[in-house]
N, C-alpha and C. Protein backbone atom coordinates (compact mmCIF):
# COMPACT_ATOMS: atom_id res chain seq x y z
N MET A 1 -24.00 0.52 10.10
CA MET A 1 -23.00 -0.14 9.43
C MET A 1 -23.31 -1.42 8.33
N GLY A 2 -22.40 -1.14 7.26
CA GLY A 2 -22.73 -2.25 6.08
C GLY A 2 -21.63 -2.86 5.80
N ILE A 3 -21.76 -3.89 5.04
CA ILE A 3 -20.45 -4.85 4.52
C ILE A 3 -20.08 -4.16 3.10
N LYS A 4 -18.94 -3.85 3.12
CA LYS A 4 -18.58 -3.28 1.59
C LYS A 4 -17.75 -4.35 0.88
N CYS A 5 -17.28 -3.97 -0.48
CA CYS A 5 -16.66 -5.40 -1.34
C CYS A 5 -15.67 -4.58 -1.95
N ARG A 6 -14.50 -5.00 -1.70
CA ARG A 6 -13.24 -4.43 -2.49
C ARG A 6 -13.00 -5.46 -3.75
N LEU A 7 -13.96 -6.41 -4.26
CA LEU A 7 -13.62 -7.39 -5.22
C LEU A 7 -13.48 -6.60 -6.57
N LYS A 8 -13.81 -5.45 -6.94
CA LYS A 8 -13.58 -4.92 -8.30
C LYS A 8 -12.05 -4.23 -8.27
N ILE A 9 -11.60 -3.75 -7.18
CA ILE A 9 -10.42 -3.06 -6.78
C ILE A 9 -9.62 -3.97 -6.76
N ILE A 10 -9.72 -5.43 -6.35
CA ILE A 10 -8.81 -6.38 -6.10
C ILE A 10 -8.33 -6.95 -7.57
N MET A 11 -9.85 -7.18 -8.32
CA MET A 11 -9.57 -7.89 -9.78
C MET A 11 -8.74 -6.99 -10.58
N ALA A 12 -9.13 -5.58 -10.31
CA ALA A 12 -8.28 -4.54 -11.03
C ALA A 12 -6.65 -4.52 -10.96
N GLU A 13 -6.51 -4.85 -9.80
CA GLU A 13 -5.13 -5.29 -9.23
C GLU A 13 -4.43 -5.93 -10.00
N LEU A 14 -5.17 -7.10 -9.48
CA LEU A 14 -4.45 -8.29 -10.18
C LEU A 14 -4.58 -8.68 -11.44
N GLY A 15 -5.21 -7.85 -12.51
CA GLY A 15 -5.72 -8.28 -13.57
C GLY A 15 -6.33 -9.41 -13.88
N ILE A 16 -7.41 -9.36 -13.06
CA ILE A 16 -8.40 -10.59 -13.35
C ILE A 16 -9.79 -10.13 -13.76
N LYS A 17 -9.97 -10.90 -15.07
CA LYS A 17 -11.20 -10.80 -15.32
C LYS A 17 -12.58 -11.41 -15.02
N GLN A 18 -13.73 -10.80 -14.80
CA GLN A 18 -14.68 -11.56 -13.99
C GLN A 18 -15.13 -12.82 -14.70
N LYS A 19 -14.98 -13.15 -15.66
CA LYS A 19 -15.27 -14.36 -16.37
C LYS A 19 -14.47 -15.13 -15.84
N TRP A 20 -13.26 -15.45 -15.37
CA TRP A 20 -12.13 -16.14 -15.29
C TRP A 20 -12.79 -16.54 -13.64
N LEU A 21 -12.90 -15.21 -12.63
CA LEU A 21 -13.10 -15.55 -11.53
C LEU A 21 -14.23 -16.00 -11.38
N ALA A 22 -15.52 -16.11 -12.10
CA ALA A 22 -16.39 -16.71 -12.05
C ALA A 22 -16.41 -18.10 -12.40
N GLN A 23 -15.79 -18.54 -13.17
CA GLN A 23 -15.55 -19.80 -13.65
C GLN A 23 -14.86 -20.86 -11.98
N LYS A 24 -14.01 -19.90 -12.15
CA LYS A 24 -13.07 -20.55 -10.70
C LYS A 24 -13.86 -20.61 -9.17
N ALA A 25 -14.93 -19.47 -9.22
CA ALA A 25 -15.80 -19.71 -7.74
C ALA A 25 -17.08 -20.34 -8.03
N GLU A 26 -16.88 -20.94 -9.49
CA GLU A 26 -18.40 -21.83 -9.72
C GLU A 26 -19.74 -21.11 -9.45
N ILE A 27 -19.79 -19.97 -9.79
CA ILE A 27 -20.83 -18.73 -9.62
C ILE A 27 -21.28 -18.21 -11.15
N SER A 28 -22.28 -17.76 -11.43
CA SER A 28 -22.35 -17.04 -12.81
C SER A 28 -21.42 -15.67 -13.06
N HIS A 29 -21.13 -15.34 -14.09
CA HIS A 29 -20.71 -13.72 -14.50
C HIS A 29 -21.83 -12.93 -13.49
N ALA A 30 -23.08 -13.24 -13.89
CA ALA A 30 -24.00 -11.92 -13.25
C ALA A 30 -24.03 -11.96 -11.75
N GLN A 31 -24.06 -13.12 -11.07
CA GLN A 31 -23.90 -12.90 -9.81
C GLN A 31 -22.37 -12.55 -9.33
N LEU A 32 -21.30 -12.77 -10.11
CA LEU A 32 -19.98 -12.16 -9.58
C LEU A 32 -20.01 -10.45 -10.17
N SER A 33 -20.59 -10.30 -11.09
CA SER A 33 -20.78 -8.73 -11.23
C SER A 33 -21.56 -8.02 -10.41
N ALA A 34 -22.70 -8.70 -9.57
CA ALA A 34 -23.47 -8.09 -8.34
C ALA A 34 -22.94 -7.81 -7.30
N LEU A 35 -22.20 -9.03 -7.19
CA LEU A 35 -20.98 -8.73 -5.78
C LEU A 35 -20.10 -7.96 -6.04
N ALA A 36 -19.49 -7.70 -6.78
CA ALA A 36 -18.20 -7.00 -7.32
C ALA A 36 -19.15 -5.39 -7.50
N ASN A 37 -20.16 -5.19 -7.66
CA ASN A 37 -21.05 -3.94 -7.54
C ASN A 37 -21.51 -3.76 -6.31
N ASN A 38 -21.43 -4.07 -5.02
CA ASN A 38 -22.19 -4.11 -3.75
C ASN A 38 -23.18 -3.87 -3.97
N LYS A 39 -24.11 -5.01 -4.92
CA LYS A 39 -25.44 -4.88 -5.02
C LYS A 39 -26.02 -6.23 -4.39
N ASN A 40 -25.16 -7.24 -3.95
CA ASN A 40 -25.40 -8.35 -3.06
C ASN A 40 -24.65 -8.95 -2.32
N LEU A 41 -24.78 -9.62 -0.72
CA LEU A 41 -23.75 -10.01 -0.36
C LEU A 41 -23.89 -11.61 -0.86
N PRO A 42 -22.66 -12.06 -0.94
CA PRO A 42 -22.52 -13.60 -1.16
C PRO A 42 -22.58 -14.51 -0.07
N THR A 43 -22.79 -15.76 0.11
CA THR A 43 -23.12 -16.57 1.01
C THR A 43 -21.80 -17.06 1.44
N LEU A 44 -21.76 -17.41 2.38
CA LEU A 44 -20.38 -17.88 2.98
C LEU A 44 -19.90 -18.74 1.96
N PRO A 45 -20.39 -19.87 1.46
CA PRO A 45 -19.87 -20.58 0.87
C PRO A 45 -18.93 -20.20 -0.50
N VAL A 46 -19.81 -19.32 -1.34
CA VAL A 46 -19.43 -18.46 -2.39
C VAL A 46 -18.23 -17.53 -1.89
N ALA A 47 -18.77 -16.94 -0.55
CA ALA A 47 -17.26 -16.26 -0.16
C ALA A 47 -16.09 -16.90 -0.06
N PHE A 48 -16.23 -17.85 0.67
CA PHE A 48 -15.00 -18.46 0.46
C PHE A 48 -14.23 -19.02 -0.65
N ARG A 49 -15.34 -19.66 -1.86
CA ARG A 49 -14.56 -19.98 -3.04
C ARG A 49 -13.71 -18.95 -3.92
N ILE A 50 -14.64 -17.55 -3.83
CA ILE A 50 -13.90 -16.49 -4.23
C ILE A 50 -12.51 -15.83 -3.50
N ALA A 51 -12.63 -16.16 -2.42
CA ALA A 51 -11.17 -15.85 -1.63
C ALA A 51 -10.58 -16.83 -1.73
N LYS A 52 -10.61 -18.26 -2.27
CA LYS A 52 -9.54 -19.14 -2.37
C LYS A 52 -9.23 -19.05 -3.81
N ALA A 53 -10.27 -18.51 -4.83
CA ALA A 53 -9.29 -18.36 -6.21
C ALA A 53 -8.36 -17.06 -6.34
N LEU A 54 -8.46 -16.02 -5.20
CA LEU A 54 -7.78 -14.94 -5.29
C LEU A 54 -6.76 -15.22 -4.26
N GLY A 55 -6.75 -16.44 -3.63
CA GLY A 55 -5.21 -16.78 -2.43
C GLY A 55 -5.35 -15.42 -1.63
N MET A 56 -6.63 -15.03 -1.20
CA MET A 56 -7.01 -14.43 -0.06
C MET A 56 -7.83 -14.63 1.10
N ARG A 57 -7.88 -14.01 2.01
CA ARG A 57 -8.98 -14.49 2.91
C ARG A 57 -10.27 -13.29 2.85
N ILE A 58 -11.52 -14.05 2.97
CA ILE A 58 -13.06 -13.51 3.05
C ILE A 58 -12.91 -11.84 3.60
N GLU A 59 -11.95 -11.85 4.53
CA GLU A 59 -11.96 -10.16 5.33
C GLU A 59 -11.28 -9.25 4.26
N ASP A 60 -10.27 -10.07 3.83
CA ASP A 60 -9.35 -9.22 2.54
C ASP A 60 -10.32 -8.58 1.54
N ILE A 61 -11.72 -9.05 1.21
CA ILE A 61 -12.56 -8.67 0.08
C ILE A 61 -13.76 -7.86 0.59
N TRP A 62 -14.17 -8.26 1.81
CA TRP A 62 -15.32 -7.94 2.29
C TRP A 62 -15.23 -7.44 3.65
N TYR A 63 -15.41 -6.11 4.23
CA TYR A 63 -15.14 -5.56 5.14
C TYR A 63 -16.60 -4.86 5.55
N GLU A 64 -16.28 -4.54 6.80
CA GLU A 64 -17.59 -3.89 7.45
C GLU A 64 -17.38 -2.34 7.50
N GLU A 65 -18.17 -1.88 6.87
CA GLU A 65 -18.09 -0.16 7.12
C GLU A 65 -18.60 0.42 8.46
N GLU A 66 -17.84 1.20 9.01
CA GLU A 66 -18.65 1.55 10.51
C GLU A 66 -19.29 3.07 9.84
N THR A 67 -20.45 3.54 10.49
CA THR A 67 -21.19 4.50 10.13
C THR A 67 -20.87 5.44 11.58
N ARG A 68 -20.76 6.75 11.45
CA ARG A 68 -20.40 7.27 12.81
C ARG A 68 -21.96 8.11 12.95
N LYS A 69 -22.14 8.17 13.91
CA LYS A 69 -23.61 9.12 14.63
C LYS A 69 -22.85 10.07 15.06
N GLU A 70 -23.74 11.36 14.40
CA GLU A 70 -22.91 12.41 14.89
C GLU A 70 -24.15 13.15 16.04
N SER A 71 -23.50 13.73 17.11
CA SER A 71 -23.93 14.19 18.31
C SER A 71 -24.99 15.39 17.96
N THR A 72 -26.13 15.38 18.56
CA THR A 72 -26.78 16.55 18.52
C THR A 72 -26.92 17.31 19.58
């Protein structure tokens, strides 16, 4: 299992630029880019700030991806 991020999709749907969201969430543009590209996971405070800026819940942005085990 892993945590996946819908941030890039959400920003595209809402027409939000990374620069704007980074400023609202009080993080660097580089940090936001890494989060949006699933390269890093946010700390809980950062996740809350991003969710609040987007008017969403954390679980609307980040979700757990289930992996299936093939039976042998």
